PDB file of N, CA and C in Angstrom:
ATOM      1  N   UNK A   1      23.608  40.058 -38.382  1.00  0.00           N
ATOM      2  CA  UNK A   1      24.470  41.073 -37.903  1.00  0.00           C
ATOM      3  C   UNK A   1      23.460  42.199 -37.437  1.00  0.00           C
ATOM      4  N   UNK A   2      24.190  42.909 -36.308  1.00  0.00           N
ATOM      5  CA  UNK A   2      23.393  43.897 -35.584  1.00  0.00           C
ATOM      6  C   UNK A   2      23.003  44.960 -36.311  1.00  0.00           C
ATOM      7  N   UNK A   3      23.591  45.442 -37.510  1.00  0.00           N
ATOM      8  CA  UNK A   3      23.087  46.399 -38.279  1.00  0.00           C
ATOM      9  C   UNK A   3      22.096  46.098 -39.357  1.00  0.00           C
ATOM     10  N   UNK A   4      21.746  44.668 -39.360  1.00  0.00           N
ATOM     11  CA  UNK A   4      20.878  44.384 -40.431  1.00  0.00           C
ATOM     12  C   UNK A   4      19.361  45.001 -40.362  1.00  0.00           C
ATOM     13  N   UNK A   5      18.779  45.389 -41.345  1.00  0.00           N
ATOM     14  CA  UNK A   5      17.514  46.073 -41.330  1.00  0.00           C
ATOM     15  C   UNK A   5      16.456  44.993 -41.980  1.00  0.00           C
ATOM     16  N   UNK A   6      16.750  44.118 -42.750  1.00  0.00           N
ATOM     17  CA  UNK A   6      15.906  42.988 -43.386  1.00  0.00           C
ATOM     18  C   UNK A   6      16.642  41.729 -43.039  1.00  0.00           C
ATOM     19  N   UNK A   7      15.635  40.942 -42.863  1.00  0.00           N
ATOM     20  CA  UNK A   7      16.167  39.491 -42.640  1.00  0.00           C
ATOM     21  C   UNK A   7      16.491  38.834 -44.026  1.00  0.00           C
ATOM     22  N   UNK A   8      17.715  38.111 -43.962  1.00  0.00           N
ATOM     23  CA  UNK A   8      18.221  37.663 -45.483  1.00  0.00           C
ATOM     24  C   UNK A   8      17.465  36.288 -45.829  1.00  0.00           C
ATOM     25  N   UNK A   9      16.608  35.803 -44.786  1.00  0.00           N
ATOM     26  CA  UNK A   9      15.879  34.644 -45.387  1.00  0.00           C
ATOM     27  C   UNK A   9      14.432  34.993 -45.703  1.00  0.00           C
ATOM     28  N   UNK A  10      13.661  35.813 -44.993  1.00  0.00           N
ATOM     29  CA  UNK A  10      12.407  36.252 -45.370  1.00  0.00           C
ATOM     30  C   UNK A  10      12.120  37.647 -45.713  1.00  0.00           C
ATOM     31  N   UNK A  11      13.246  38.432 -45.671  1.00  0.00           N
ATOM     32  CA  UNK A  11      12.996  39.728 -46.139  1.00  0.00           C
ATOM     33  C   UNK A  11      12.142  40.738 -45.183  1.00  0.00           C
ATOM     34  N   UNK A  12      12.021  40.059 -44.012  1.00  0.00           N
ATOM     35  CA  UNK A  12      11.092  41.063 -43.186  1.00  0.00           C
ATOM     36  C   UNK A  12      12.001  42.150 -42.420  1.00  0.00           C
ATOM     37  N   UNK A  13      11.114  43.227 -42.123  1.00  0.00           N
ATOM     38  CA  UNK A  13      11.844  44.278 -41.504  1.00  0.00           C
ATOM     39  C   UNK A  13      12.211  44.232 -40.100  1.00  0.00           C
ATOM     40  N   UNK A  14      13.392  44.231 -39.807  1.00  0.00           N
ATOM     41  CA  UNK A  14      13.875  43.808 -38.377  1.00  0.00           C
ATOM     42  C   UNK A  14      13.868  44.976 -37.496  1.00  0.00           C
ATOM     43  N   UNK A  15      13.496  46.114 -37.992  1.00  0.00           N
ATOM     44  CA  UNK A  15      13.440  47.402 -37.444  1.00  0.00           C
ATOM     45  C   UNK A  15      11.897  47.474 -36.474  1.00  0.00           C
ATOM     46  N   UNK A  16      10.924  46.671 -36.912  1.00  0.00           N
ATOM     47  CA  UNK A  16       9.894  46.702 -36.129  1.00  0.00           C
ATOM     48  C   UNK A  16      10.073  45.844 -35.058  1.00  0.00           C
ATOM     49  N   UNK A  17       9.465  46.327 -33.966  1.00  0.00           N
ATOM     50  CA  UNK A  17       9.553  45.413 -32.621  1.00  0.00           C
ATOM     51  C   UNK A  17       8.121  44.858 -32.530  1.00  0.00           C
ATOM     52  N   UNK A  18       8.343  43.490 -32.419  1.00  0.00           N
ATOM     53  CA  UNK A  18       7.181  42.554 -32.074  1.00  0.00           C
ATOM     54  C   UNK A  18       7.051  42.259 -30.578  1.00  0.00           C
ATOM     55  N   UNK A  19       5.963  42.585 -30.193  1.00  0.00           N
ATOM     56  CA  UNK A  19       5.805  42.322 -28.657  1.00  0.00           C
ATOM     57  C   UNK A  19       5.189  41.092 -28.482  1.00  0.00           C
ATOM     58  N   UNK A  20       5.628  40.107 -27.876  1.00  0.00           N
ATOM     59  CA  UNK A  20       4.817  38.997 -27.422  1.00  0.00           C
ATOM     60  C   UNK A  20       4.086  39.137 -26.089  1.00  0.00           C
ATOM     61  N   UNK A  21       2.999  38.635 -26.088  1.00  0.00           N
ATOM     62  CA  UNK A  21       2.242  38.769 -24.884  1.00  0.00           C
ATOM     63  C   UNK A  21       2.846  38.017 -23.995  1.00  0.00           C
ATOM     64  N   UNK A  22       2.902  38.673 -22.652  1.00  0.00           N
ATOM     65  CA  UNK A  22       3.429  37.900 -21.572  1.00  0.00           C
ATOM     66  C   UNK A  22       2.758  36.753 -21.041  1.00  0.00           C
ATOM     67  N   UNK A  23       3.493  35.496 -20.769  1.00  0.00           N
ATOM     68  CA  UNK A  23       2.933  34.354 -20.537  1.00  0.00           C
ATOM     69  C   UNK A  23       3.577  33.991 -19.294  1.00  0.00           C
ATOM     70  N   UNK A  24       2.733  33.066 -18.601  1.00  0.00           N
ATOM     71  CA  UNK A  24       3.186  32.390 -17.467  1.00  0.00           C
ATOM     72  C   UNK A  24       4.291  31.433 -17.482  1.00  0.00           C
ATOM     73  N   UNK A  25       4.764  30.823 -16.621  1.00  0.00           N
ATOM     74  CA  UNK A  25       5.874  29.802 -16.822  1.00  0.00           C
ATOM     75  C   UNK A  25       5.126  28.680 -17.688  1.00  0.00           C
ATOM     76  N   UNK A  26       6.165  28.058 -18.382  1.00  0.00           N
ATOM     77  CA  UNK A  26       5.662  26.987 -19.232  1.00  0.00           C
ATOM     78  C   UNK A  26       5.382  25.950 -18.232  1.00  0.00           C
ATOM     79  N   UNK A  27       4.535  24.938 -18.827  1.00  0.00           N
ATOM     80  CA  UNK A  27       4.079  23.754 -17.926  1.00  0.00           C
ATOM     81  C   UNK A  27       5.211  23.039 -17.386  1.00  0.00           C
ATOM     82  N   UNK A  28       6.395  22.837 -17.925  1.00  0.00           N
ATOM     83  CA  UNK A  28       7.376  22.078 -17.186  1.00  0.00           C
ATOM     84  C   UNK A  28       8.215  22.987 -16.331  1.00  0.00           C
ATOM     85  N   UNK A  29       7.805  24.204 -16.364  1.00  0.00           N
ATOM     86  CA  UNK A  29       8.621  25.033 -15.082  1.00  0.00           C
ATOM     87  C   UNK A  29       7.608  25.341 -14.152  1.00  0.00           C
ATOM     88  N   UNK A  30       6.375  24.838 -14.085  1.00  0.00           N
ATOM     89  CA  UNK A  30       5.430  25.027 -13.054  1.00  0.00           C
ATOM     90  C   UNK A  30       5.941  24.463 -11.617  1.00  0.00           C
ATOM     91  N   UNK A  31       5.738  25.104 -10.745  1.00  0.00           N
ATOM     92  CA  UNK A  31       6.127  24.547  -9.313  1.00  0.00           C
ATOM     93  C   UNK A  31       4.731  24.096  -8.637  1.00  0.00           C
ATOM     94  N   UNK A  32       5.094  22.879  -7.676  1.00  0.00           N
ATOM     95  CA  UNK A  32       4.015  22.111  -7.122  1.00  0.00           C
ATOM     96  C   UNK A  32       3.876  22.785  -6.026  1.00  0.00           C
ATOM     97  N   UNK A  33       2.573  23.246  -5.694  1.00  0.00           N
ATOM     98  CA  UNK A  33       2.112  23.938  -4.529  1.00  0.00           C
ATOM     99  C   UNK A  33       2.292  23.032  -3.174  1.00  0.00           C
ATOM    100  N   UNK A  34       2.351  23.702  -1.888  1.00  0.00           N
ATOM    101  CA  UNK A  34       2.430  22.824  -0.724  1.00  0.00           C
ATOM    102  C   UNK A  34       1.391  21.903  -0.661  1.00  0.00           C
ATOM    103  N   UNK A  35       0.109  22.115  -0.967  1.00  0.00           N
ATOM    104  CA  UNK A  35      -0.922  21.336  -0.802  1.00  0.00           C
ATOM    105  C   UNK A  35      -0.727  20.091  -1.681  1.00  0.00           C
ATOM    106  N   UNK A  36      -0.365  20.296  -2.830  1.00  0.00           N
ATOM    107  CA  UNK A  36      -0.278  19.245  -3.758  1.00  0.00           C
ATOM    108  C   UNK A  36       1.026  18.373  -3.318  1.00  0.00           C
ATOM    109  N   UNK A  37       1.903  18.925  -2.822  1.00  0.00           N
ATOM    110  CA  UNK A  37       3.038  18.164  -2.146  1.00  0.00           C
ATOM    111  C   UNK A  37       2.606  17.257  -1.073  1.00  0.00           C
ATOM    112  N   UNK A  38       1.712  17.717  -0.152  1.00  0.00           N
ATOM    113  CA  UNK A  38       1.172  16.880   0.938  1.00  0.00           C
ATOM    114  C   UNK A  38       0.381  15.722   0.409  1.00  0.00           C
ATOM    115  N   UNK A  39      -0.423  16.027  -0.585  1.00  0.00           N
ATOM    116  CA  UNK A  39      -1.341  15.056  -1.236  1.00  0.00           C
ATOM    117  C   UNK A  39      -0.500  13.872  -1.821  1.00  0.00           C
ATOM    118  N   UNK A  40       0.570  14.263  -2.646  1.00  0.00           N
ATOM    119  CA  UNK A  40       1.453  13.439  -3.232  1.00  0.00           C
ATOM    120  C   UNK A  40       2.158  12.436  -2.064  1.00  0.00           C
ATOM    121  N   UNK A  41       2.747  13.294  -1.061  1.00  0.00           N
ATOM    122  CA  UNK A  41       3.406  12.586  -0.071  1.00  0.00           C
ATOM    123  C   UNK A  41       2.479  11.499   0.722  1.00  0.00           C
ATOM    124  N   UNK A  42       1.038  11.899   0.853  1.00  0.00           N
ATOM    125  CA  UNK A  42       0.277  10.933   1.420  1.00  0.00           C
ATOM    126  C   UNK A  42      -0.094   9.778   0.535  1.00  0.00           C
ATOM    127  N   UNK A  43      -0.257   9.798  -0.785  1.00  0.00           N
ATOM    128  CA  UNK A  43      -0.183   8.751  -1.617  1.00  0.00           C
ATOM    129  C   UNK A  43       0.846   7.802  -1.522  1.00  0.00           C
ATOM    130  N   UNK A  44       1.949   8.438  -1.637  1.00  0.00           N
ATOM    131  CA  UNK A  44       3.257   7.722  -1.670  1.00  0.00           C
ATOM    132  C   UNK A  44       3.313   6.810  -0.520  1.00  0.00           C
ATOM    133  N   UNK A  45       3.092   7.434   0.875  1.00  0.00           N
ATOM    134  CA  UNK A  45       3.315   6.783   2.068  1.00  0.00           C
ATOM    135  C   UNK A  45       2.121   5.704   2.120  1.00  0.00           C
ATOM    136  N   UNK A  46       0.937   5.818   1.756  1.00  0.00           N
ATOM    137  CA  UNK A  46      -0.095   4.927   1.700  1.00  0.00           C
ATOM    138  C   UNK A  46       0.302   3.645   0.830  1.00  0.00           C
ATOM    139  N   UNK A  47       0.913   3.972  -0.260  1.00  0.00           N
ATOM    140  CA  UNK A  47       1.130   2.834  -1.264  1.00  0.00           C
ATOM    141  C   UNK A  47       2.105   2.070  -0.626  1.00  0.00           C
ATOM    142  N   UNK A  48       3.332   2.762   0.025  1.00  0.00           N
ATOM    143  CA  UNK A  48       4.480   1.945   0.642  1.00  0.00           C
ATOM    144  C   UNK A  48       3.789   1.174   1.901  1.00  0.00           C
ATOM    145  N   UNK A  49       2.810   1.636   2.522  1.00  0.00           N
ATOM    146  CA  UNK A  49       2.311   1.079   3.855  1.00  0.00           C
ATOM    147  C   UNK A  49       1.552  -0.493   3.379  1.00  0.00           C
ATOM    148  N   UNK A  50       0.927  -0.278   2.215  1.00  0.00           N
ATOM    149  CA  UNK A  50       0.096  -1.281   1.600  1.00  0.00           C
ATOM    150  C   UNK A  50       1.146  -2.258   1.023  1.00  0.00           C
ATOM    151  N   UNK A  51       2.033  -1.935   0.452  1.00  0.00           N
ATOM    152  CA  UNK A  51       3.085  -2.811  -0.098  1.00  0.00           C
ATOM    153  C   UNK A  51       3.914  -3.635   1.027  1.00  0.00           C
ATOM    154  N   UNK A  52       4.361  -2.807   2.020  1.00  0.00           N
ATOM    155  CA  UNK A  52       4.895  -3.505   3.090  1.00  0.00           C
ATOM    156  C   UNK A  52       4.070  -4.464   3.814  1.00  0.00           C
ATOM    157  N   UNK A  53       2.763  -4.183   4.066  1.00  0.00           N
ATOM    158  CA  UNK A  53       1.866  -5.024   4.629  1.00  0.00           C
ATOM    159  C   UNK A  53       1.660  -6.431   3.906  1.00  0.00           C
ATOM    160  N   UNK A  54       1.505  -6.154   2.582  1.00  0.00           N
ATOM    161  CA  UNK A  54       1.330  -7.329   1.699  1.00  0.00           C
ATOM    162  C   UNK A  54       2.635  -8.321   1.887  1.00  0.00           C
ATOM    163  N   UNK A  55       3.757  -7.673   1.774  1.00  0.00           N
ATOM    164  CA  UNK A  55       5.089  -8.411   1.831  1.00  0.00           C
ATOM    165  C   UNK A  55       5.259  -9.092   3.199  1.00  0.00           C
ATOM    166  N   UNK A  56       4.907  -8.351   4.291  1.00  0.00           N
ATOM    167  CA  UNK A  56       5.057  -9.029   5.735  1.00  0.00           C
ATOM    168  C   UNK A  56       3.934 -10.108   5.696  1.00  0.00           C
ATOM    169  N   UNK A  57       2.782  -9.861   5.183  1.00  0.00           N
ATOM    170  CA  UNK A  57       1.637 -10.880   5.446  1.00  0.00           C
ATOM    171  C   UNK A  57       1.835 -12.188   4.774  1.00  0.00           C
ATOM    172  N   UNK A  58       2.624 -12.053   3.591  1.00  0.00           N
ATOM    173  CA  UNK A  58       2.791 -13.299   2.723  1.00  0.00           C
ATOM    174  C   UNK A  58       4.152 -14.151   3.048  1.00  0.00           C
ATOM    175  N   UNK A  59       4.782 -13.836   4.241  1.00  0.00           N
ATOM    176  CA  UNK A  59       5.932 -14.717   4.651  1.00  0.00           C
ATOM    177  C   UNK A  59       5.406 -15.932   5.191  1.00  0.00           C
ATOM    178  N   UNK A  60       6.248 -17.011   4.985  1.00  0.00           N
ATOM    179  CA  UNK A  60       5.757 -18.291   5.235  1.00  0.00           C
ATOM    180  C   UNK A  60       5.374 -18.664   6.616  1.00  0.00           C
ATOM    181  N   UNK A  61       6.097 -17.803   7.688  1.00  0.00           N
ATOM    182  CA  UNK A  61       5.721 -17.928   9.040  1.00  0.00           C
ATOM    183  C   UNK A  61       4.465 -17.316   9.231  1.00  0.00           C
ATOM    184  N   UNK A  62       4.100 -16.024   8.748  1.00  0.00           N
ATOM    185  CA  UNK A  62       2.924 -15.620   8.790  1.00  0.00           C
ATOM    186  C   UNK A  62       1.786 -16.286   8.304  1.00  0.00           C
ATOM    187  N   UNK A  63       1.933 -16.955   7.234  1.00  0.00           N
ATOM    188  CA  UNK A  63       0.798 -17.983   6.588  1.00  0.00           C
ATOM    189  C   UNK A  63       0.501 -19.034   7.476  1.00  0.00           C
ATOM    190  N   UNK A  64       1.707 -19.576   8.076  1.00  0.00           N
ATOM    191  CA  UNK A  64       1.538 -20.713   9.119  1.00  0.00           C
ATOM    192  C   UNK A  64       0.684 -20.297  10.225  1.00  0.00           C
ATOM    193  N   UNK A  65       0.949 -18.858  10.752  1.00  0.00           N
ATOM    194  CA  UNK A  65       0.320 -18.531  11.909  1.00  0.00           C
ATOM    195  C   UNK A  65      -1.293 -18.288  11.628  1.00  0.00           C
ATOM    196  N   UNK A  66      -1.378 -17.655  10.452  1.00  0.00           N
ATOM    197  CA  UNK A  66      -2.804 -17.455   9.992  1.00  0.00           C
ATOM    198  C   UNK A  66      -3.499 -18.884   9.902  1.00  0.00           C
ATOM    199  N   UNK A  67      -2.871 -19.985   9.424  1.00  0.00           N
ATOM    200  CA  UNK A  67      -3.585 -21.119   9.440  1.00  0.00           C
ATOM    201  C   UNK A  67      -3.686 -21.706  10.800  1.00  0.00           C
ATOM    202  N   UNK A  68      -2.706 -21.473  11.654  1.00  0.00           N
ATOM    203  CA  UNK A  68      -3.146 -22.015  13.062  1.00  0.00           C
ATOM    204  C   UNK A  68      -4.160 -21.317  13.709  1.00  0.00           C
ATOM    205  N   UNK A  69      -4.311 -19.991  13.507  1.00  0.00           N
ATOM    206  CA  UNK A  69      -5.537 -19.175  14.189  1.00  0.00           C
ATOM    207  C   UNK A  69      -6.761 -19.654  13.572  1.00  0.00           C
ATOM    208  N   UNK A  70      -6.763 -20.044  12.340  1.00  0.00           N
ATOM    209  CA  UNK A  70      -8.092 -20.492  11.725  1.00  0.00           C
ATOM    210  C   UNK A  70      -8.320 -21.978  12.309  1.00  0.00           C
ATOM    211  N   UNK A  71      -7.229 -22.755  12.645  1.00  0.00           N
ATOM    212  CA  UNK A  71      -7.561 -24.090  12.941  1.00  0.00           C
ATOM    213  C   UNK A  71      -8.074 -23.983  14.496  1.00  0.00           C
ATOM    214  N   UNK A  72      -7.487 -23.153  15.232  1.00  0.00           N
ATOM    215  CA  UNK A  72      -8.022 -22.925  16.736  1.00  0.00           C
ATOM    216  C   UNK A  72      -9.334 -22.363  16.687  1.00  0.00           C
ATOM    217  N   UNK A  73      -9.809 -21.567  15.715  1.00  0.00           N
ATOM    218  CA  UNK A  73     -11.070 -21.036  15.782  1.00  0.00           C
ATOM    219  C   UNK A  73     -12.023 -22.071  15.208  1.00  0.00           C
ATOM    220  N   UNK A  74     -11.692 -22.857  14.284  1.00  0.00           N
ATOM    221  CA  UNK A  74     -12.470 -23.811  13.691  1.00  0.00           C
ATOM    222  C   UNK A  74     -12.889 -24.753  14.909  1.00  0.00           C
ATOM    223  N   UNK A  75     -11.849 -25.228  15.636  1.00  0.00           N
ATOM    224  CA  UNK A  75     -11.898 -26.143  16.760  1.00  0.00           C
ATOM    225  C   UNK A  75     -12.849 -25.579  17.854  1.00  0.00           C
ATOM    226  N   UNK A  76     -12.737 -24.250  18.322  1.00  0.00           N
ATOM    227  CA  UNK A  76     -13.521 -23.733  19.263  1.00  0.00           C
ATOM    228  C   UNK A  76     -15.016 -23.635  18.771  1.00  0.00           C
ATOM    229  N   UNK A  77     -15.092 -23.380  17.500  1.00  0.00           N
ATOM    230  CA  UNK A  77     -16.605 -23.279  16.795  1.00  0.00           C
ATOM    231  C   UNK A  77     -17.190 -24.805  16.945  1.00  0.00           C
ATOM    232  N   UNK A  78     -16.454 -25.727  16.927  1.00  0.00           N
ATOM    233  CA  UNK A  78     -16.990 -27.125  16.843  1.00  0.00           C
ATOM    234  C   UNK A  78     -17.249 -27.555  18.385  1.00  0.00           C
ATOM    235  N   UNK A  79     -16.430 -27.131  19.188  1.00  0.00           N
ATOM    236  CA  UNK A  79     -16.757 -27.359  20.810  1.00  0.00           C
ATOM    237  C   UNK A  79     -18.283 -26.593  21.010  1.00  0.00           C
ATOM    238  N   UNK A  80     -18.307 -25.255  20.476  1.00  0.00           N
ATOM    239  CA  UNK A  80     -19.596 -24.575  20.978  1.00  0.00           C
ATOM    240  C   UNK A  80     -20.777 -25.134  20.185  1.00  0.00           C
ATOM    241  N   UNK A  81     -20.523 -25.632  19.098  1.00  0.00           N
ATOM    242  CA  UNK A  81     -21.844 -26.149  18.167  1.00  0.00           C
ATOM    243  C   UNK A  81     -22.165 -27.657  18.398  1.00  0.00           C
ATOM    244  N   UNK A  82     -21.257 -28.493  19.178  1.00  0.00           N
ATOM    245  CA  UNK A  82     -21.333 -29.789  19.562  1.00  0.00           C
ATOM    246  C   UNK A  82     -22.632 -29.902  20.349  1.00  0.00           C
ATOM    247  N   UNK A  83     -23.475 -30.915  19.765  1.00  0.00           N
ATOM    248  CA  UNK A  83     -24.814 -31.069  20.516  1.00  0.00           C
ATOM    249  C   UNK A  83     -25.134 -32.522  20.964  1.00  0.00           C
ATOM    250  N   UNK A  84     -23.927 -33.392  21.068  1.00  0.00           N
ATOM    251  CA  UNK A  84     -23.920 -34.524  21.470  1.00  0.00           C
ATOM    252  C   UNK A  84     -23.701 -34.771  23.019  1.00  0.00           C
ATOM    253  N   UNK A  85     -23.331 -36.097  23.432  1.00  0.00           N
ATOM    254  CA  UNK A  85     -23.157 -36.447  24.880  1.00  0.00           C
ATOM    255  C   UNK A  85     -21.945 -35.404  25.349  1.00  0.00           C
ATOM    256  N   UNK A  86     -22.048 -35.247  26.652  1.00  0.00           N
ATOM    257  CA  UNK A  86     -21.028 -34.212  27.304  1.00  0.00           C
ATOM    258  C   UNK A  86     -19.489 -34.860  27.209  1.00  0.00           C
ATOM    259  N   UNK A  87     -19.598 -36.188  27.143  1.00  0.00           N
ATOM    260  CA  UNK A  87     -18.263 -36.721  26.966  1.00  0.00           C
ATOM    261  C   UNK A  87     -17.571 -36.256  25.667  1.00  0.00           C
ATOM    262  N   UNK A  88     -18.348 -36.403  24.700  1.00  0.00           N
ATOM    263  CA  UNK A  88     -17.948 -36.066  23.242  1.00  0.00           C
ATOM    264  C   UNK A  88     -17.300 -34.620  23.254  1.00  0.00           C
ATOM    265  N   UNK A  89     -18.105 -33.908  23.916  1.00  0.00           N
ATOM    266  CA  UNK A  89     -17.702 -32.230  23.851  1.00  0.00           C
ATOM    267  C   UNK A  89     -16.566 -32.212  24.594  1.00  0.00           C
ATOM    268  N   UNK A  90     -16.404 -32.978  25.755  1.00  0.00           N
ATOM    269  CA  UNK A  90     -15.134 -32.871  26.453  1.00  0.00           C
ATOM    270  C   UNK A  90     -13.902 -33.485  25.695  1.00  0.00           C
ATOM    271  N   UNK A  91     -14.093 -34.576  24.971  1.00  0.00           N
ATOM    272  CA  UNK A  91     -12.944 -34.902  24.092  1.00  0.00           C
ATOM    273  C   UNK A  91     -12.674 -33.873  23.052  1.00  0.00           C
ATOM    274  N   UNK A  92     -13.491 -33.255  22.517  1.00  0.00           N
ATOM    275  CA  UNK A  92     -13.294 -32.243  21.581  1.00  0.00           C
ATOM    276  C   UNK A  92     -12.490 -31.109  22.198  1.00  0.00           C
ATOM    277  N   UNK A  93     -13.094 -30.659  23.261  1.00  0.00           N
ATOM    278  CA  UNK A  93     -12.523 -29.505  23.896  1.00  0.00           C
ATOM    279  C   UNK A  93     -11.063 -29.761  24.431  1.00  0.00           C
ATOM    280  N   UNK A  94     -10.622 -31.023  24.947  1.00  0.00           N
ATOM    281  CA  UNK A  94      -9.287 -31.525  25.067  1.00  0.00           C
ATOM    282  C   UNK A  94      -8.572 -31.350  23.951  1.00  0.00           C
ATOM    283  N   UNK A  95      -9.019 -31.822  22.684  1.00  0.00           N
ATOM    284  CA  UNK A  95      -8.166 -31.888  21.474  1.00  0.00           C
ATOM    285  C   UNK A  95      -7.785 -30.224  21.133  1.00  0.00           C
ATOM    286  N   UNK A  96      -8.787 -29.480  21.480  1.00  0.00           N
ATOM    287  CA  UNK A  96      -8.676 -28.009  20.914  1.00  0.00           C
ATOM    288  C   UNK A  96      -7.499 -27.462  21.908  1.00  0.00           C
ATOM    289  N   UNK A  97      -7.549 -27.880  23.343  1.00  0.00           N
ATOM    290  CA  UNK A  97      -6.468 -27.304  24.058  1.00  0.00           C
ATOM    291  C   UNK A  97      -5.053 -27.719  23.817  1.00  0.00           C
ATOM    292  N   UNK A  98      -4.981 -29.200  23.231  1.00  0.00           N
ATOM    293  CA  UNK A  98      -3.843 -29.912  22.955  1.00  0.00           C
ATOM    294  C   UNK A  98      -3.388 -29.057  21.572  1.00  0.00           C
ATOM    295  N   UNK A  99      -4.168 -28.823  20.759  1.00  0.00           N
ATOM    296  CA  UNK A  99      -3.752 -27.983  19.564  1.00  0.00           C
ATOM    297  C   UNK A  99      -3.477 -26.714  19.836  1.00  0.00           C
ATOM    298  N   UNK A 100      -3.851 -25.936  20.751  1.00  0.00           N
ATOM    299  CA  UNK A 100      -3.515 -24.653  21.186  1.00  0.00           C
ATOM    300  C   UNK A 100      -2.221 -24.558  21.793  1.00  0.00           C
ATOM    301  N   UNK A 101      -1.824 -25.746  22.830  1.00  0.00           N
ATOM    302  CA  UNK A 101      -0.780 -25.913  23.188  1.00  0.00           C
ATOM    303  C   UNK A 101       0.678 -26.231  22.290  1.00  0.00           C
ATOM    304  N   UNK A 102       0.193 -26.857  21.289  1.00  0.00           N
ATOM    305  CA  UNK A 102       1.256 -27.249  20.266  1.00  0.00           C
ATOM    306  C   UNK A 102       1.552 -25.926  19.290  1.00  0.00           C
ATOM    307  N   UNK A 103       0.561 -25.251  19.070  1.00  0.00           N
ATOM    308  CA  UNK A 103       0.863 -23.902  18.279  1.00  0.00           C
ATOM    309  C   UNK A 103       1.362 -22.936  19.180  1.00  0.00           C
ATOM    310  N   UNK A 104       1.231 -22.787  20.416  1.00  0.00           N
ATOM    311  CA  UNK A 104       1.683 -21.953  21.443  1.00  0.00           C
ATOM    312  C   UNK A 104       3.211 -22.350  21.452  1.00  0.00           C
ATOM    313  N   UNK A 105       3.733 -23.651  21.411  1.00  0.00           N
ATOM    314  CA  UNK A 105       5.114 -23.902  21.398  1.00  0.00           C
ATOM    315  C   UNK A 105       5.716 -23.666  19.918  1.00  0.00           C
ATOM    316  N   UNK A 106       4.861 -23.824  18.921  1.00  0.00           N
ATOM    317  CA  UNK A 106       5.519 -23.518  17.450  1.00  0.00           C
ATOM    318  C   UNK A 106       5.749 -22.141  17.298  1.00  0.00           C
ATOM    319  N   UNK A 107       4.871 -21.404  17.746  1.00  0.00           N
ATOM    320  CA  UNK A 107       5.039 -19.922  17.419  1.00  0.00           C
ATOM    321  C   UNK A 107       5.288 -18.990  18.507  1.00  0.00           C
ATOM    322  N   UNK A 108       5.295 -19.602  19.693  1.00  0.00           N
ATOM    323  CA  UNK A 108       5.818 -18.678  20.893  1.00  0.00           C
ATOM    324  C   UNK A 108       4.947 -17.890  21.635  1.00  0.00           C
ATOM    325  N   UNK A 109       3.567 -17.976  21.088  1.00  0.00           N
ATOM    326  CA  UNK A 109       2.437 -17.244  21.837  1.00  0.00           C
ATOM    327  C   UNK A 109       1.203 -17.917  21.143  1.00  0.00           C
ATOM    328  N   UNK A 110       0.287 -17.726  21.825  1.00  0.00           N
ATOM    329  CA  UNK A 110      -1.040 -18.368  21.622  1.00  0.00           C
ATOM    330  C   UNK A 110      -1.535 -17.523  20.335  1.00  0.00           C
ATOM    331  N   UNK A 111      -2.018 -18.381  19.321  1.00  0.00           N
ATOM    332  CA  UNK A 111      -2.440 -17.985  17.984  1.00  0.00           C
ATOM    333  C   UNK A 111      -3.873 -17.185  18.215  1.00  0.00           C
TER     334      UNK A 111
END
């Protein structure tokens, strides 16, 4: 009751005013500053970029394209490192060109 002088539970004097020291906002009420917001936004954007990159990179078409690029590169290395007769090097180079032509037809551009 408003007229009460003593607490009915603990019998403390209610006329004494207890001052609580002023405190800042509770941790759940804290606001995030603009620098922190930018930092969090950068982290989220980077994570989404990486996740999207992994998703796109792992499509079957992309895996086929990567394998095709590796095959063409290996063929070119074979031509460059071949030390046998010129006719053999010519056969390997022709095979590489045919491989590149087939891959160009399959993927619409040279790998």
